[in-house]
């Protein structure tokens, strides 16, 4: 599970003001859970952003963005952003702010019951 530690540290700094942040190893990297909900992940040299599903198509038009595809389907509300785009602080902030904004209204995943 190799991921860009410098990028992960930038995410940590961006989420410093949130009291309930948990890090979990998921999505071939590190996922940042805010208030018990997946907010953003660092996977390899990319951010995987959880955003408003209504914005997915608009975001995918931006340079360095690609869709999250699961079982052959585009997963609305999830986009990958290449680190080359994120070197620009304004671009990094843009994507992190999208994640933070959606986290406020996102629903948490249902808990799986243990057998």
C-alpha atoms as a PDB file:
ATOM      1  CA  UNK A   1       0.000   0.000   0.000  1.00  0.00           C
ATOM      2  CA  UNK A   2       2.396   2.646  -1.174  1.00  0.00           C
ATOM      3  CA  UNK A   3       1.075   6.177  -1.172  1.00  0.00           C
ATOM      4  CA  UNK A   4       2.583   9.635  -1.428  1.00  0.00           C
ATOM      5  CA  UNK A   5       3.389  10.546   2.176  1.00  0.00           C
ATOM      6  CA  UNK A   6       3.973  14.228   1.304  1.00  0.00           C
ATOM      7  CA  UNK A   7       0.507  14.427  -0.210  1.00  0.00           C
ATOM      8  CA  UNK A   8      -0.952  12.645   2.838  1.00  0.00           C
ATOM      9  CA  UNK A   9       0.738  15.200   5.107  1.00  0.00           C
ATOM     10  CA  UNK A  10      -0.816  18.044   3.104  1.00  0.00           C
ATOM     11  CA  UNK A  11      -4.234  16.438   3.624  1.00  0.00           C
ATOM     12  CA  UNK A  12      -3.539  16.049   7.353  1.00  0.00           C
ATOM     13  CA  UNK A  13      -2.722  19.754   7.568  1.00  0.00           C
ATOM     14  CA  UNK A  14      -5.852  20.671   5.596  1.00  0.00           C
ATOM     15  CA  UNK A  15      -8.039  18.675   8.001  1.00  0.00           C
ATOM     16  CA  UNK A  16      -6.332  19.872  11.200  1.00  0.00           C
ATOM     17  CA  UNK A  17      -9.344  21.963  12.277  1.00  0.00           C
ATOM     18  CA  UNK A  18     -11.693  18.980  12.298  1.00  0.00           C
ATOM     19  CA  UNK A  19     -11.933  17.381  15.758  1.00  0.00           C
ATOM     20  CA  UNK A  20     -12.953  13.910  14.514  1.00  0.00           C
ATOM     21  CA  UNK A  21     -10.470  12.735  11.864  1.00  0.00           C
ATOM     22  CA  UNK A  22      -9.480   9.093  11.629  1.00  0.00           C
ATOM     23  CA  UNK A  23      -7.020   7.530   9.206  1.00  0.00           C
ATOM     24  CA  UNK A  24      -7.712   4.081   7.754  1.00  0.00           C
ATOM     25  CA  UNK A  25      -5.815   1.966   5.268  1.00  0.00           C
ATOM     26  CA  UNK A  26      -8.226   1.704   2.348  1.00  0.00           C
ATOM     27  CA  UNK A  27      -8.313   2.144  -1.424  1.00  0.00           C
ATOM     28  CA  UNK A  28      -4.650   1.122  -1.822  1.00  0.00           C
ATOM     29  CA  UNK A  29      -3.571   3.988   0.417  1.00  0.00           C
ATOM     30  CA  UNK A  30      -4.720   6.045   3.366  1.00  0.00           C
ATOM     31  CA  UNK A  31      -8.288   7.279   3.780  1.00  0.00           C
ATOM     32  CA  UNK A  32      -9.232  10.210   5.960  1.00  0.00           C
ATOM     33  CA  UNK A  33     -12.545   9.740   7.715  1.00  0.00           C
ATOM     34  CA  UNK A  34     -14.171  12.927   9.054  1.00  0.00           C
ATOM     35  CA  UNK A  35     -17.054  12.539  11.494  1.00  0.00           C
ATOM     36  CA  UNK A  36     -17.155   8.826  10.673  1.00  0.00           C
ATOM     37  CA  UNK A  37     -17.509   9.442   6.927  1.00  0.00           C
ATOM     38  CA  UNK A  38     -15.004   8.908   4.137  1.00  0.00           C
ATOM     39  CA  UNK A  39     -13.796  12.370   3.115  1.00  0.00           C
ATOM     40  CA  UNK A  40     -10.639  12.007   1.012  1.00  0.00           C
ATOM     41  CA  UNK A  41      -7.968   9.387   0.296  1.00  0.00           C
ATOM     42  CA  UNK A  42      -4.386   9.379  -0.864  1.00  0.00           C
ATOM     43  CA  UNK A  43      -3.797   6.440  -3.179  1.00  0.00           C
ATOM     44  CA  UNK A  44      -0.417   6.261  -4.866  1.00  0.00           C
ATOM     45  CA  UNK A  45       0.220   9.750  -6.205  1.00  0.00           C
ATOM     46  CA  UNK A  46      -3.437  10.711  -6.427  1.00  0.00           C
ATOM     47  CA  UNK A  47      -6.160  12.111  -4.244  1.00  0.00           C
ATOM     48  CA  UNK A  48      -9.430  10.261  -4.330  1.00  0.00           C
ATOM     49  CA  UNK A  49     -11.993  12.904  -3.501  1.00  0.00           C
ATOM     50  CA  UNK A  50     -15.509  12.272  -2.263  1.00  0.00           C
ATOM     51  CA  UNK A  51     -17.553  15.124  -3.683  1.00  0.00           C
ATOM     52  CA  UNK A  52     -21.148  16.065  -4.377  1.00  0.00           C
ATOM     53  CA  UNK A  53     -22.318  13.512  -6.984  1.00  0.00           C
ATOM     54  CA  UNK A  54     -24.025  16.328  -8.906  1.00  0.00           C
ATOM     55  CA  UNK A  55     -20.574  17.884  -9.537  1.00  0.00           C
ATOM     56  CA  UNK A  56     -18.858  14.729 -10.823  1.00  0.00           C
ATOM     57  CA  UNK A  57     -19.178  15.463 -14.558  1.00  0.00           C
ATOM     58  CA  UNK A  58     -18.057  19.071 -14.114  1.00  0.00           C
ATOM     59  CA  UNK A  59     -15.018  18.031 -12.059  1.00  0.00           C
ATOM     60  CA  UNK A  60     -14.036  15.336 -14.561  1.00  0.00           C
ATOM     61  CA  UNK A  61     -13.609  18.048 -17.212  1.00  0.00           C
ATOM     62  CA  UNK A  62     -10.687  19.490 -15.219  1.00  0.00           C
ATOM     63  CA  UNK A  63      -7.091  18.568 -16.093  1.00  0.00           C
ATOM     64  CA  UNK A  64      -5.642  15.657 -14.131  1.00  0.00           C
ATOM     65  CA  UNK A  65      -9.010  14.261 -13.035  1.00  0.00           C
ATOM     66  CA  UNK A  66     -10.381  10.824 -13.784  1.00  0.00           C
ATOM     67  CA  UNK A  67     -13.435   8.891 -12.764  1.00  0.00           C
ATOM     68  CA  UNK A  68     -13.532   6.180 -10.154  1.00  0.00           C
ATOM     69  CA  UNK A  69     -14.776   3.067 -11.926  1.00  0.00           C
ATOM     70  CA  UNK A  70     -16.121   0.082 -10.006  1.00  0.00           C
ATOM     71  CA  UNK A  71     -17.495  -3.001 -11.753  1.00  0.00           C
ATOM     72  CA  UNK A  72     -17.427  -1.120 -15.043  1.00  0.00           C
ATOM     73  CA  UNK A  73     -19.534   1.787 -13.776  1.00  0.00           C
ATOM     74  CA  UNK A  74     -18.489   5.374 -13.065  1.00  0.00           C
ATOM     75  CA  UNK A  75     -18.965   6.028  -9.367  1.00  0.00           C
ATOM     76  CA  UNK A  76     -20.667   9.403  -9.123  1.00  0.00           C
ATOM     77  CA  UNK A  77     -19.285  11.431  -6.233  1.00  0.00           C
ATOM     78  CA  UNK A  78     -15.748  10.020  -6.400  1.00  0.00           C
ATOM     79  CA  UNK A  79     -12.915  11.414  -8.535  1.00  0.00           C
ATOM     80  CA  UNK A  80      -9.179  10.821  -8.686  1.00  0.00           C
ATOM     81  CA  UNK A  81      -6.902  13.850  -9.008  1.00  0.00           C
ATOM     82  CA  UNK A  82      -3.283  13.465 -10.120  1.00  0.00           C
ATOM     83  CA  UNK A  83      -0.593  14.944  -7.878  1.00  0.00           C
ATOM     84  CA  UNK A  84       0.780  17.032 -10.771  1.00  0.00           C
ATOM     85  CA  UNK A  85      -2.364  19.188 -10.549  1.00  0.00           C
ATOM     86  CA  UNK A  86      -2.140  19.361  -6.766  1.00  0.00           C
ATOM     87  CA  UNK A  87       1.307  20.960  -6.710  1.00  0.00           C
ATOM     88  CA  UNK A  88      -0.529  24.254  -7.182  1.00  0.00           C
ATOM     89  CA  UNK A  89      -1.825  25.259  -3.733  1.00  0.00           C
ATOM     90  CA  UNK A  90      -4.985  26.831  -5.162  1.00  0.00           C
ATOM     91  CA  UNK A  91      -5.856  23.591  -6.980  1.00  0.00           C
ATOM     92  CA  UNK A  92      -5.141  21.477  -3.887  1.00  0.00           C
ATOM     93  CA  UNK A  93      -7.349  23.773  -1.808  1.00  0.00           C
ATOM     94  CA  UNK A  94     -10.108  23.615  -4.431  1.00  0.00           C
ATOM     95  CA  UNK A  95     -10.342  19.823  -4.221  1.00  0.00           C
ATOM     96  CA  UNK A  96      -9.944  19.624  -0.440  1.00  0.00           C
ATOM     97  CA  UNK A  97     -12.665  22.245  -0.012  1.00  0.00           C
ATOM     98  CA  UNK A  98     -15.000  20.211  -2.251  1.00  0.00           C
ATOM     99  CA  UNK A  99     -14.372  17.199  -0.002  1.00  0.00           C
ATOM    100  CA  UNK A 100     -14.918  19.181   3.191  1.00  0.00           C
ATOM    101  CA  UNK A 101     -18.128  20.735   1.897  1.00  0.00           C
ATOM    102  CA  UNK A 102     -19.628  17.426   0.826  1.00  0.00           C
ATOM    103  CA  UNK A 103     -18.600  15.716   4.060  1.00  0.00           C
ATOM    104  CA  UNK A 104     -20.995  17.987   5.955  1.00  0.00           C
ATOM    105  CA  UNK A 105     -24.006  16.538   4.096  1.00  0.00           C
ATOM    106  CA  UNK A 106     -22.731  13.072   3.137  1.00  0.00           C
ATOM    107  CA  UNK A 107     -24.232  10.015   4.720  1.00  0.00           C
ATOM    108  CA  UNK A 108     -22.002   7.595   6.573  1.00  0.00           C
ATOM    109  CA  UNK A 109     -21.725   4.065   5.218  1.00  0.00           C
ATOM    110  CA  UNK A 110     -23.914   1.545   6.956  1.00  0.00           C
ATOM    111  CA  UNK A 111     -22.099  -0.450   9.608  1.00  0.00           C
ATOM    112  CA  UNK A 112     -21.530  -4.074   8.775  1.00  0.00           C
ATOM    113  CA  UNK A 113     -22.743  -6.427  11.463  1.00  0.00           C
ATOM    114  CA  UNK A 114     -20.224  -8.965  12.687  1.00  0.00           C
ATOM    115  CA  UNK A 115     -21.274 -12.597  12.465  1.00  0.00           C
END
